Amino acid sequence: MFCFIVAETAIFTIFVVAYIFYIGKSLSGPTPQQVLKVPIFNTICLLSSSLTIHLSVRALHRGKIAAFNLFWFLTLILGAIFLIGTGREWHRLIYGEGLTISTNLFGTTYYSLVGLHAFHVSAGLLGLGIVMVLSIAARVKQQDADRVEVFSLYWHFVDAVWIVVFTVVYIVGR
């Protein structure tokens, strides 16, 4: 998992650098200042999911399966809320503001970077869902805690990457 996270960090670094490099270089609008709204609620949901997955893993290490299920499910819900929020933001940007991936450099770099992150959230939600189904089927036990914890590292990575993406896109880039 650590090797995977290092490789993914390299990919995200390339996308973040490209976004930063092209800030303000679009020859036509819309610009980030004109169309981006800071996704505070979505960000709170995603970052809170790091806490819930941590509590879930801790509960599993202690053999508290019901608590594991509750916190794991909350993680899944918070991640889904974030992804739905990203989809709603894209819908508004595309249909309300006319910003597509081919509109200008901002649109290209924005959708590439935020889309890469959304893809990783989607992959994480798939993993969370699989573990949830296995847990409901009573296939997740205390002895699986280390394996579940390794997966949780991926989810923490996705959350940490969002902090960088959020800062670059919604704070620095505006």
C-alpha atoms as a PDB file:
ATOM      1  CA  MET A   1       0.000   0.000   0.000  1.00  0.00           C
ATOM      2  CA  PHE A   2       2.855   2.375   0.768  1.00  0.00           C
ATOM      3  CA  CYS A   3       4.354   1.827  -2.702  1.00  0.00           C
ATOM      4  CA  PHE A   4       0.958   2.424  -4.274  1.00  0.00           C
ATOM      5  CA  ILE A   5       0.469   5.633  -2.289  1.00  0.00           C
ATOM      6  CA  VAL A   6       3.936   6.885  -3.283  1.00  0.00           C
ATOM      7  CA  ALA A   7       3.148   6.227  -6.959  1.00  0.00           C
ATOM      8  CA  GLU A   8      -0.223   7.950  -6.668  1.00  0.00           C
ATOM      9  CA  THR A   9       1.410  10.883  -4.898  1.00  0.00           C
ATOM     10  CA  ALA A  10       3.709  11.302  -7.888  1.00  0.00           C
ATOM     11  CA  ILE A  11       0.738  11.362 -10.267  1.00  0.00           C
ATOM     12  CA  PHE A  12      -1.141  13.886  -8.157  1.00  0.00           C
ATOM     13  CA  THR A  13       1.996  16.020  -7.884  1.00  0.00           C
ATOM     14  CA  ILE A  14       2.176  16.251 -11.677  1.00  0.00           C
ATOM     15  CA  PHE A  15      -1.475  17.307 -11.898  1.00  0.00           C
ATOM     16  CA  VAL A  16      -1.137  19.850  -9.077  1.00  0.00           C
ATOM     17  CA  VAL A  17       1.986  21.380 -10.629  1.00  0.00           C
ATOM     18  CA  ALA A  18       0.222  21.623 -14.001  1.00  0.00           C
ATOM     19  CA  TYR A  19      -2.756  23.326 -12.359  1.00  0.00           C
ATOM     20  CA  ILE A  20      -0.502  25.813 -10.573  1.00  0.00           C
ATOM     21  CA  PHE A  21       1.548  26.441 -13.726  1.00  0.00           C
ATOM     22  CA  TYR A  22      -1.558  27.308 -15.760  1.00  0.00           C
ATOM     23  CA  ILE A  23      -3.303  29.490 -13.146  1.00  0.00           C
ATOM     24  CA  GLY A  24      -4.314  32.740 -14.807  1.00  0.00           C
ATOM     25  CA  LYS A  25      -3.134  31.703 -18.283  1.00  0.00           C
ATOM     26  CA  SER A  26      -6.551  31.127 -19.846  1.00  0.00           C
ATOM     27  CA  LEU A  27      -7.171  33.570 -22.686  1.00  0.00           C
ATOM     28  CA  SER A  28     -10.940  33.387 -22.317  1.00  0.00           C
ATOM     29  CA  GLY A  29     -13.393  32.899 -19.500  1.00  0.00           C
ATOM     30  CA  PRO A  30     -14.879  31.770 -17.355  1.00  0.00           C
ATOM     31  CA  THR A  31     -12.198  32.161 -14.718  1.00  0.00           C
ATOM     32  CA  PRO A  32     -12.000  30.441 -11.328  1.00  0.00           C
ATOM     33  CA  GLN A  33     -13.008  33.676  -9.590  1.00  0.00           C
ATOM     34  CA  GLN A  34     -16.156  33.857 -11.701  1.00  0.00           C
ATOM     35  CA  VAL A  35     -17.419  30.294 -11.291  1.00  0.00           C
ATOM     36  CA  LEU A  36     -15.873  28.437  -8.343  1.00  0.00           C
ATOM     37  CA  LYS A  37     -17.638  28.276  -5.011  1.00  0.00           C
ATOM     38  CA  VAL A  38     -15.652  26.916  -2.070  1.00  0.00           C
ATOM     39  CA  PRO A  39     -17.071  23.452  -1.231  1.00  0.00           C
ATOM     40  CA  ILE A  40     -16.947  23.775   2.557  1.00  0.00           C
ATOM     41  CA  PHE A  41     -19.667  21.222   3.352  1.00  0.00           C
ATOM     42  CA  ASN A  42     -18.219  18.593   1.002  1.00  0.00           C
ATOM     43  CA  THR A  43     -14.764  19.150   2.449  1.00  0.00           C
ATOM     44  CA  ILE A  44     -16.029  18.761   6.016  1.00  0.00           C
ATOM     45  CA  CYS A  45     -17.730  15.507   5.029  1.00  0.00           C
ATOM     46  CA  LEU A  46     -14.637  14.064   3.364  1.00  0.00           C
ATOM     47  CA  LEU A  47     -12.242  15.087   6.118  1.00  0.00           C
ATOM     48  CA  SER A  48     -14.641  13.783   8.769  1.00  0.00           C
ATOM     49  CA  SER A  49     -14.534  10.427   7.023  1.00  0.00           C
ATOM     50  CA  SER A  50     -10.886  10.088   8.054  1.00  0.00           C
ATOM     51  CA  LEU A  51     -12.025  10.215  11.663  1.00  0.00           C
ATOM     52  CA  THR A  52     -14.816   7.707  11.122  1.00  0.00           C
ATOM     53  CA  ILE A  53     -12.562   5.222   9.317  1.00  0.00           C
ATOM     54  CA  HIS A  54      -9.982   5.583  12.095  1.00  0.00           C
ATOM     55  CA  LEU A  55     -12.654   4.893  14.723  1.00  0.00           C
ATOM     56  CA  SER A  56     -13.870   1.962  12.657  1.00  0.00           C
ATOM     57  CA  VAL A  57     -10.437   0.343  12.462  1.00  0.00           C
ATOM     58  CA  ARG A  58      -9.880   0.944  16.157  1.00  0.00           C
ATOM     59  CA  ALA A  59     -13.198  -0.725  16.954  1.00  0.00           C
ATOM     60  CA  LEU A  60     -12.289  -3.736  14.811  1.00  0.00           C
ATOM     61  CA  HIS A  61      -8.917  -4.086  16.568  1.00  0.00           C
ATOM     62  CA  ARG A  62     -10.887  -4.263  19.829  1.00  0.00           C
ATOM     63  CA  GLY A  63     -13.313  -6.835  18.432  1.00  0.00           C
ATOM     64  CA  LYS A  64     -16.287  -4.462  18.487  1.00  0.00           C
ATOM     65  CA  ILE A  65     -17.892  -5.475  15.205  1.00  0.00           C
ATOM     66  CA  ALA A  66     -21.080  -3.420  15.655  1.00  0.00           C
ATOM     67  CA  ALA A  67     -19.053  -0.248  16.237  1.00  0.00           C
ATOM     68  CA  PHE A  68     -16.852  -1.155  13.277  1.00  0.00           C
ATOM     69  CA  ASN A  69     -19.923  -1.493  11.063  1.00  0.00           C
ATOM     70  CA  LEU A  70     -21.376   1.798  12.248  1.00  0.00           C
ATOM     71  CA  PHE A  71     -18.212   3.835  11.714  1.00  0.00           C
ATOM     72  CA  TRP A  72     -17.409   2.059   8.438  1.00  0.00           C
ATOM     73  CA  PHE A  73     -20.916   2.820   7.165  1.00  0.00           C
ATOM     74  CA  LEU A  74     -20.561   6.468   8.230  1.00  0.00           C
ATOM     75  CA  THR A  75     -17.285   6.625   6.301  1.00  0.00           C
ATOM     76  CA  LEU A  76     -19.046   5.264   3.240  1.00  0.00           C
ATOM     77  CA  ILE A  77     -21.884   7.780   3.579  1.00  0.00           C
ATOM     78  CA  LEU A  78     -19.553  10.752   4.110  1.00  0.00           C
ATOM     79  CA  GLY A  79     -17.489   9.766   1.074  1.00  0.00           C
ATOM     80  CA  ALA A  80     -20.651   9.366  -1.017  1.00  0.00           C
ATOM     81  CA  ILE A  81     -21.901  12.803   0.077  1.00  0.00           C
ATOM     82  CA  PHE A  82     -18.570  14.273  -1.011  1.00  0.00           C
ATOM     83  CA  LEU A  83     -18.738  12.567  -4.411  1.00  0.00           C
ATOM     84  CA  ILE A  84     -22.355  13.619  -4.961  1.00  0.00           C
ATOM     85  CA  GLY A  85     -21.344  17.177  -4.058  1.00  0.00           C
ATOM     86  CA  THR A  86     -18.547  17.056  -6.622  1.00  0.00           C
ATOM     87  CA  GLY A  87     -21.023  15.823  -9.233  1.00  0.00           C
ATOM     88  CA  ARG A  88     -23.429  18.631  -8.399  1.00  0.00           C
ATOM     89  CA  GLU A  89     -20.606  21.154  -8.643  1.00  0.00           C
ATOM     90  CA  TRP A  90     -19.642  19.822 -12.057  1.00  0.00           C
ATOM     91  CA  HIS A  91     -23.269  19.925 -13.220  1.00  0.00           C
ATOM     92  CA  ARG A  92     -23.507  23.584 -12.187  1.00  0.00           C
ATOM     93  CA  LEU A  93     -20.191  24.426 -13.829  1.00  0.00           C
ATOM     94  CA  ILE A  94     -21.000  22.651 -17.089  1.00  0.00           C
ATOM     95  CA  TYR A  95     -24.661  23.561 -17.542  1.00  0.00           C
ATOM     96  CA  GLY A  96     -24.905  26.762 -15.510  1.00  0.00           C
ATOM     97  CA  GLU A  97     -21.526  28.364 -16.160  1.00  0.00           C
ATOM     98  CA  GLY A  98     -20.526  26.767 -19.468  1.00  0.00           C
ATOM     99  CA  LEU A  99     -17.201  25.479 -18.136  1.00  0.00           C
ATOM    100  CA  THR A 100     -16.159  22.210 -19.746  1.00  0.00           C
ATOM    101  CA  ILE A 101     -12.844  20.435 -20.020  1.00  0.00           C
ATOM    102  CA  SER A 102     -12.355  22.030 -23.457  1.00  0.00           C
ATOM    103  CA  THR A 103     -13.490  25.584 -22.614  1.00  0.00           C
ATOM    104  CA  ASN A 104     -10.049  26.901 -21.634  1.00  0.00           C
ATOM    105  CA  LEU A 105      -6.888  25.978 -19.724  1.00  0.00           C
ATOM    106  CA  PHE A 106      -8.662  26.481 -16.419  1.00  0.00           C
ATOM    107  CA  GLY A 107     -11.410  24.020 -17.416  1.00  0.00           C
ATOM    108  CA  THR A 108      -8.861  21.492 -18.635  1.00  0.00           C
ATOM    109  CA  THR A 109      -6.702  21.590 -15.533  1.00  0.00           C
ATOM    110  CA  TYR A 110      -9.645  21.901 -13.121  1.00  0.00           C
ATOM    111  CA  TYR A 111     -11.520  18.860 -14.430  1.00  0.00           C
ATOM    112  CA  SER A 112      -8.297  16.873 -14.777  1.00  0.00           C
ATOM    113  CA  LEU A 113      -7.172  17.485 -11.191  1.00  0.00           C
ATOM    114  CA  VAL A 114     -10.545  17.361  -9.464  1.00  0.00           C
ATOM    115  CA  GLY A 115     -11.590  14.466 -11.707  1.00  0.00           C
ATOM    116  CA  LEU A 116      -8.490  12.486 -10.784  1.00  0.00           C
ATOM    117  CA  HIS A 117      -9.375  12.983  -7.142  1.00  0.00           C
ATOM    118  CA  ALA A 118     -13.024  12.063  -7.741  1.00  0.00           C
ATOM    119  CA  PHE A 119     -11.878   8.863  -9.457  1.00  0.00           C
ATOM    120  CA  HIS A 120      -9.827   7.963  -6.383  1.00  0.00           C
ATOM    121  CA  VAL A 121     -12.774   8.697  -4.101  1.00  0.00           C
ATOM    122  CA  SER A 122     -14.917   6.443  -6.306  1.00  0.00           C
ATOM    123  CA  ALA A 123     -12.349   3.642  -6.080  1.00  0.00           C
ATOM    124  CA  GLY A 124     -12.238   4.116  -2.312  1.00  0.00           C
ATOM    125  CA  LEU A 125     -16.025   3.968  -2.087  1.00  0.00           C
ATOM    126  CA  LEU A 126     -15.979   0.727  -4.049  1.00  0.00           C
ATOM    127  CA  GLY A 127     -13.495  -0.726  -1.556  1.00  0.00           C
ATOM    128  CA  LEU A 128     -15.486   0.577   1.385  1.00  0.00           C
ATOM    129  CA  GLY A 129     -18.632  -0.949  -0.080  1.00  0.00           C
ATOM    130  CA  ILE A 130     -17.028  -4.348  -0.584  1.00  0.00           C
ATOM    131  CA  VAL A 131     -15.781  -4.429   3.002  1.00  0.00           C
ATOM    132  CA  MET A 132     -19.212  -3.291   4.211  1.00  0.00           C
ATOM    133  CA  VAL A 133     -20.930  -6.137   2.348  1.00  0.00           C
ATOM    134  CA  LEU A 134     -18.409  -8.632   3.715  1.00  0.00           C
ATOM    135  CA  SER A 135     -18.943  -7.286   7.206  1.00  0.00           C
ATOM    136  CA  ILE A 136     -22.723  -7.512   6.927  1.00  0.00           C
ATOM    137  CA  ALA A 137     -22.211 -11.125   5.827  1.00  0.00           C
ATOM    138  CA  ALA A 138     -20.194 -11.648   9.049  1.00  0.00           C
ATOM    139  CA  ARG A 139     -17.000 -12.228   7.055  1.00  0.00           C
ATOM    140  CA  VAL A 140     -15.004  -9.421   8.743  1.00  0.00           C
ATOM    141  CA  LYS A 141     -13.527 -10.428  12.073  1.00  0.00           C
ATOM    142  CA  GLN A 142     -11.126  -8.970  14.595  1.00  0.00           C
ATOM    143  CA  GLN A 143      -8.242 -10.893  13.021  1.00  0.00           C
ATOM    144  CA  ASP A 144      -8.866  -8.913   9.782  1.00  0.00           C
ATOM    145  CA  ALA A 145      -8.159  -5.596  11.497  1.00  0.00           C
ATOM    146  CA  ASP A 146      -4.630  -5.240  10.107  1.00  0.00           C
ATOM    147  CA  ARG A 147      -5.840  -5.787   6.539  1.00  0.00           C
ATOM    148  CA  VAL A 148      -8.677  -3.323   6.995  1.00  0.00           C
ATOM    149  CA  GLU A 149      -6.217  -0.848   8.467  1.00  0.00           C
ATOM    150  CA  VAL A 150      -4.028  -1.118   5.368  1.00  0.00           C
ATOM    151  CA  PHE A 151      -7.040  -0.232   3.223  1.00  0.00           C
ATOM    152  CA  SER A 152      -7.798   2.684   5.533  1.00  0.00           C
ATOM    153  CA  LEU A 153      -4.400   4.137   4.623  1.00  0.00           C
ATOM    154  CA  TYR A 154      -5.693   4.574   1.070  1.00  0.00           C
ATOM    155  CA  TRP A 155      -8.723   6.467   2.376  1.00  0.00           C
ATOM    156  CA  HIS A 156      -6.529   8.714   4.523  1.00  0.00           C
ATOM    157  CA  PHE A 157      -4.400   9.336   1.429  1.00  0.00           C
ATOM    158  CA  VAL A 158      -7.488  10.388  -0.552  1.00  0.00           C
ATOM    159  CA  ASP A 159      -8.409  12.794   2.256  1.00  0.00           C
ATOM    160  CA  ALA A 160      -4.880  14.215   2.468  1.00  0.00           C
ATOM    161  CA  VAL A 161      -4.785  14.736  -1.291  1.00  0.00           C
ATOM    162  CA  TRP A 162      -8.068  16.636  -1.039  1.00  0.00           C
ATOM    163  CA  ILE A 163      -6.464  19.098   1.369  1.00  0.00           C
ATOM    164  CA  VAL A 164      -3.840  19.857  -1.291  1.00  0.00           C
ATOM    165  CA  VAL A 165      -6.379  19.973  -4.145  1.00  0.00           C
ATOM    166  CA  PHE A 166      -8.745  22.155  -2.118  1.00  0.00           C
ATOM    167  CA  THR A 167      -5.945  24.562  -1.216  1.00  0.00           C
ATOM    168  CA  VAL A 168      -4.587  24.822  -4.757  1.00  0.00           C
ATOM    169  CA  VAL A 169      -7.929  25.002  -6.590  1.00  0.00           C
ATOM    170  CA  TYR A 170     -10.220  26.860  -4.211  1.00  0.00           C
ATOM    171  CA  ILE A 171      -7.810  29.047  -2.213  1.00  0.00           C
ATOM    172  CA  VAL A 172      -4.640  29.750  -4.250  1.00  0.00           C
ATOM    173  CA  GLY A 173      -6.270  29.410  -7.675  1.00  0.00           C
ATOM    174  CA  ARG A 174      -9.042  31.912  -7.019  1.00  0.00           C
END
